[in-house]
Amino acid sequence: MINWMNLLIEFAVTVAAAVAIVAVVGLGIRLLATPTRPGPVGDARDEENDEVNLGGRPVLATVGAVVCFSAFAAIVLLGIWLIVPAFH
C-alpha cells in the first residue's frame, strides 16, 4: 500500500530543493553581472567622451558569487555522494 503522506513529503522536499538550487545559481550569476562603477567621463584616452570603467566589479559582489557557486558545488557533490553507494 502506498503511504501518500510520505510521497507528498518527498515531492515537497524535491520541489523546495530544486527551487533552492536554481535560486543559488541565479543569484550567483546576478552577482557576477553586477555593473562596474563608472569611471571619469572624458578621460584623455577616451576619444568618444563616454564613460570609462576603471573601477571593476565590487569585491562584495564577486565574493557573494563565489559563495553561491561554492554552495551549488557542495549541493551537487552531496547529491552524488547520497546516490552512489560506492562512496559510503
N, C-alpha and C. Protein backbone atom coordinates (compact mmCIF):
# COMPACT_ATOMS: atom_id res chain seq x y z
N MET A 1 0.83 -1.17 0.00
CA MET A 1 0.00 0.00 0.00
C MET A 1 0.89 1.25 0.00
N ILE A 2 0.49 2.26 -0.73
CA ILE A 2 1.27 3.48 -0.86
C ILE A 2 0.98 4.40 0.32
N ASN A 3 2.06 4.87 0.93
CA ASN A 3 1.93 5.85 2.01
C ASN A 3 1.93 7.23 1.35
N TRP A 4 0.76 7.80 1.16
CA TRP A 4 0.62 9.04 0.41
C TRP A 4 1.24 10.23 1.13
N MET A 5 1.27 10.22 2.44
CA MET A 5 1.87 11.33 3.18
C MET A 5 3.37 11.40 2.93
N ASN A 6 4.03 10.24 2.95
CA ASN A 6 5.46 10.22 2.67
C ASN A 6 5.75 10.62 1.22
N LEU A 7 4.89 10.24 0.31
CA LEU A 7 5.06 10.63 -1.08
C LEU A 7 4.89 12.15 -1.24
N LEU A 8 3.94 12.72 -0.52
CA LEU A 8 3.74 14.16 -0.55
C LEU A 8 4.94 14.90 0.05
N ILE A 9 5.49 14.38 1.13
CA ILE A 9 6.67 14.99 1.75
C ILE A 9 7.86 14.93 0.80
N GLU A 10 8.06 13.80 0.14
CA GLU A 10 9.14 13.65 -0.83
C GLU A 10 8.98 14.64 -1.98
N PHE A 11 7.76 14.81 -2.47
CA PHE A 11 7.50 15.77 -3.54
C PHE A 11 7.82 17.19 -3.08
N ALA A 12 7.40 17.56 -1.89
CA ALA A 12 7.64 18.91 -1.37
C ALA A 12 9.13 19.19 -1.20
N VAL A 13 9.86 18.21 -0.68
CA VAL A 13 11.30 18.38 -0.49
C VAL A 13 12.01 18.50 -1.83
N THR A 14 11.58 17.72 -2.81
CA THR A 14 12.19 17.78 -4.14
C THR A 14 11.96 19.13 -4.79
N VAL A 15 10.74 19.63 -4.72
CA VAL A 15 10.44 20.94 -5.30
C VAL A 15 11.21 22.04 -4.57
N ALA A 16 11.26 21.98 -3.25
CA ALA A 16 11.99 23.00 -2.48
C ALA A 16 13.48 22.98 -2.80
N ALA A 17 14.05 21.79 -2.93
CA ALA A 17 15.47 21.69 -3.26
C ALA A 17 15.75 22.22 -4.66
N ALA A 18 14.89 21.91 -5.61
CA ALA A 18 15.08 22.40 -6.97
C ALA A 18 15.00 23.92 -7.01
N VAL A 19 14.04 24.50 -6.31
CA VAL A 19 13.91 25.95 -6.26
C VAL A 19 15.13 26.58 -5.59
N ALA A 20 15.62 25.96 -4.52
CA ALA A 20 16.79 26.50 -3.82
C ALA A 20 18.03 26.45 -4.70
N ILE A 21 18.23 25.36 -5.43
CA ILE A 21 19.40 25.24 -6.29
C ILE A 21 19.35 26.28 -7.41
N VAL A 22 18.19 26.43 -8.03
CA VAL A 22 18.06 27.42 -9.10
C VAL A 22 18.25 28.83 -8.55
N ALA A 23 17.75 29.09 -7.36
CA ALA A 23 17.91 30.42 -6.76
C ALA A 23 19.37 30.72 -6.45
N VAL A 24 20.10 29.74 -5.94
CA VAL A 24 21.51 29.95 -5.61
C VAL A 24 22.33 30.22 -6.88
N VAL A 25 22.10 29.44 -7.93
CA VAL A 25 22.82 29.65 -9.18
C VAL A 25 22.42 30.99 -9.81
N GLY A 26 21.13 31.29 -9.79
CA GLY A 26 20.66 32.57 -10.34
C GLY A 26 21.24 33.76 -9.60
N LEU A 27 21.31 33.67 -8.29
CA LEU A 27 21.89 34.75 -7.51
C LEU A 27 23.38 34.90 -7.81
N GLY A 28 24.08 33.79 -7.96
CA GLY A 28 25.50 33.85 -8.31
C GLY A 28 25.72 34.51 -9.66
N ILE A 29 24.89 34.16 -10.63
CA ILE A 29 25.01 34.78 -11.96
C ILE A 29 24.67 36.26 -11.88
N ARG A 30 23.65 36.61 -11.11
CA ARG A 30 23.27 38.01 -10.97
C ARG A 30 24.39 38.82 -10.32
N LEU A 31 25.04 38.24 -9.32
CA LEU A 31 26.14 38.95 -8.67
C LEU A 31 27.32 39.14 -9.61
N LEU A 32 27.57 38.16 -10.48
CA LEU A 32 28.64 38.33 -11.46
C LEU A 32 28.29 39.37 -12.51
N ALA A 33 27.02 39.61 -12.73
CA ALA A 33 26.58 40.60 -13.72
C ALA A 33 26.43 41.99 -13.12
N THR A 34 26.87 42.17 -11.88
CA THR A 34 26.80 43.49 -11.26
C THR A 34 27.64 44.47 -12.06
N PRO A 35 27.07 45.60 -12.42
CA PRO A 35 27.83 46.54 -13.25
C PRO A 35 29.00 47.14 -12.49
N THR A 36 29.99 47.54 -13.24
CA THR A 36 31.16 48.17 -12.65
C THR A 36 30.84 49.60 -12.26
N ARG A 37 31.65 50.14 -11.40
CA ARG A 37 31.48 51.54 -11.02
C ARG A 37 31.92 52.42 -12.18
N PRO A 38 31.15 53.44 -12.52
CA PRO A 38 31.57 54.29 -13.63
C PRO A 38 32.82 55.08 -13.29
N GLY A 39 33.68 55.18 -14.24
CA GLY A 39 34.91 55.95 -14.07
C GLY A 39 34.71 57.38 -14.53
N PRO A 40 35.77 58.11 -14.66
CA PRO A 40 35.65 59.50 -15.08
C PRO A 40 35.16 59.60 -16.52
N VAL A 41 34.40 60.62 -16.79
CA VAL A 41 33.88 60.86 -18.14
C VAL A 41 34.86 61.76 -18.88
N GLY A 42 35.18 61.40 -20.11
CA GLY A 42 36.06 62.24 -20.91
C GLY A 42 37.51 62.10 -20.53
N ASP A 43 37.96 60.90 -20.20
CA ASP A 43 39.36 60.66 -19.90
C ASP A 43 40.21 60.96 -21.14
N ALA A 44 41.47 61.26 -20.95
CA ALA A 44 42.34 61.63 -22.06
C ALA A 44 42.47 60.50 -23.09
N ARG A 45 42.34 59.25 -22.65
CA ARG A 45 42.46 58.12 -23.57
C ARG A 45 41.15 57.77 -24.25
N ASP A 46 40.10 58.51 -23.98
CA ASP A 46 38.77 58.19 -24.48
C ASP A 46 38.32 59.24 -25.48
N GLU A 47 38.44 58.92 -26.77
CA GLU A 47 38.09 59.89 -27.80
C GLU A 47 36.59 60.11 -27.93
N GLU A 48 35.76 59.15 -27.51
CA GLU A 48 34.32 59.26 -27.68
C GLU A 48 33.64 60.03 -26.57
N ASN A 49 34.36 60.38 -25.53
CA ASN A 49 33.82 61.09 -24.36
C ASN A 49 32.65 60.35 -23.71
N ASP A 50 32.75 59.04 -23.67
CA ASP A 50 31.73 58.28 -22.95
C ASP A 50 32.33 57.81 -21.62
N GLU A 51 31.55 57.08 -20.84
CA GLU A 51 32.03 56.65 -19.53
C GLU A 51 33.12 55.61 -19.69
N VAL A 52 34.15 55.78 -18.94
CA VAL A 52 35.27 54.83 -18.95
C VAL A 52 35.23 54.09 -17.63
N ASN A 53 35.10 52.78 -17.68
CA ASN A 53 35.02 51.98 -16.46
C ASN A 53 36.42 51.57 -16.04
N LEU A 54 36.89 52.18 -15.00
CA LEU A 54 38.22 51.86 -14.48
C LEU A 54 38.13 51.11 -13.15
N GLY A 55 36.95 51.06 -12.55
CA GLY A 55 36.83 50.50 -11.22
C GLY A 55 36.81 48.99 -11.17
N GLY A 56 35.97 48.34 -11.94
CA GLY A 56 35.80 46.90 -11.86
C GLY A 56 34.60 46.54 -11.00
N ARG A 57 34.27 45.26 -10.99
CA ARG A 57 33.12 44.78 -10.21
C ARG A 57 33.41 44.96 -8.73
N PRO A 58 32.39 45.31 -7.94
CA PRO A 58 32.60 45.42 -6.49
C PRO A 58 33.05 44.09 -5.90
N VAL A 59 33.96 44.16 -4.95
CA VAL A 59 34.53 42.95 -4.34
C VAL A 59 33.46 42.13 -3.64
N LEU A 60 32.53 42.80 -2.99
CA LEU A 60 31.47 42.07 -2.28
C LEU A 60 30.61 41.25 -3.23
N ALA A 61 30.37 41.77 -4.43
CA ALA A 61 29.59 41.02 -5.42
C ALA A 61 30.35 39.79 -5.89
N THR A 62 31.64 39.92 -6.10
CA THR A 62 32.46 38.78 -6.52
C THR A 62 32.53 37.72 -5.43
N VAL A 63 32.71 38.15 -4.20
CA VAL A 63 32.76 37.20 -3.08
C VAL A 63 31.42 36.49 -2.93
N GLY A 64 30.32 37.22 -3.06
CA GLY A 64 29.00 36.61 -2.97
C GLY A 64 28.76 35.59 -4.08
N ALA A 65 29.23 35.89 -5.29
CA ALA A 65 29.09 34.95 -6.40
C ALA A 65 29.90 33.68 -6.14
N VAL A 66 31.10 33.83 -5.62
CA VAL A 66 31.92 32.66 -5.31
C VAL A 66 31.27 31.81 -4.22
N VAL A 67 30.68 32.45 -3.23
CA VAL A 67 29.97 31.71 -2.17
C VAL A 67 28.77 30.96 -2.75
N CYS A 68 28.02 31.60 -3.64
CA CYS A 68 26.86 30.95 -4.25
C CYS A 68 27.27 29.74 -5.08
N PHE A 69 28.30 29.90 -5.90
CA PHE A 69 28.73 28.78 -6.73
C PHE A 69 29.38 27.68 -5.89
N SER A 70 30.03 28.04 -4.79
CA SER A 70 30.58 27.01 -3.89
C SER A 70 29.46 26.23 -3.22
N ALA A 71 28.40 26.93 -2.82
CA ALA A 71 27.25 26.24 -2.22
C ALA A 71 26.60 25.31 -3.23
N PHE A 72 26.49 25.75 -4.49
CA PHE A 72 25.94 24.91 -5.54
C PHE A 72 26.80 23.66 -5.73
N ALA A 73 28.12 23.83 -5.76
CA ALA A 73 29.01 22.68 -5.93
C ALA A 73 28.88 21.71 -4.75
N ALA A 74 28.74 22.24 -3.55
CA ALA A 74 28.58 21.39 -2.37
C ALA A 74 27.27 20.60 -2.44
N ILE A 75 26.21 21.24 -2.89
CA ILE A 75 24.91 20.56 -3.02
C ILE A 75 25.00 19.44 -4.04
N VAL A 76 25.65 19.71 -5.18
CA VAL A 76 25.79 18.68 -6.22
C VAL A 76 26.63 17.52 -5.71
N LEU A 77 27.74 17.81 -5.05
CA LEU A 77 28.59 16.74 -4.53
C LEU A 77 27.88 15.93 -3.45
N LEU A 78 27.09 16.57 -2.61
CA LEU A 78 26.31 15.84 -1.60
C LEU A 78 25.30 14.92 -2.28
N GLY A 79 24.64 15.42 -3.31
CA GLY A 79 23.68 14.58 -4.04
C GLY A 79 24.35 13.38 -4.67
N ILE A 80 25.51 13.57 -5.27
CA ILE A 80 26.23 12.43 -5.86
C ILE A 80 26.65 11.46 -4.78
N TRP A 81 27.11 11.98 -3.64
CA TRP A 81 27.53 11.10 -2.54
C TRP A 81 26.34 10.29 -2.01
N LEU A 82 25.16 10.89 -1.96
CA LEU A 82 23.99 10.17 -1.48
C LEU A 82 23.50 9.11 -2.47
N ILE A 83 23.69 9.36 -3.76
CA ILE A 83 23.17 8.44 -4.77
C ILE A 83 24.10 7.25 -5.01
N VAL A 84 25.40 7.49 -5.04
CA VAL A 84 26.36 6.43 -5.39
C VAL A 84 26.72 5.64 -4.13
N PRO A 85 26.35 4.36 -4.07
CA PRO A 85 26.61 3.58 -2.86
C PRO A 85 28.10 3.26 -2.65
N ALA A 86 28.92 3.35 -3.67
CA ALA A 86 30.35 3.05 -3.52
C ALA A 86 31.04 4.08 -2.64
N PHE A 87 30.46 5.26 -2.47
CA PHE A 87 31.09 6.30 -1.66
C PHE A 87 30.78 6.15 -0.17
N HIS A 88 29.90 5.26 0.18
CA HIS A 88 29.54 5.11 1.61
C HIS A 88 30.44 4.15 2.31
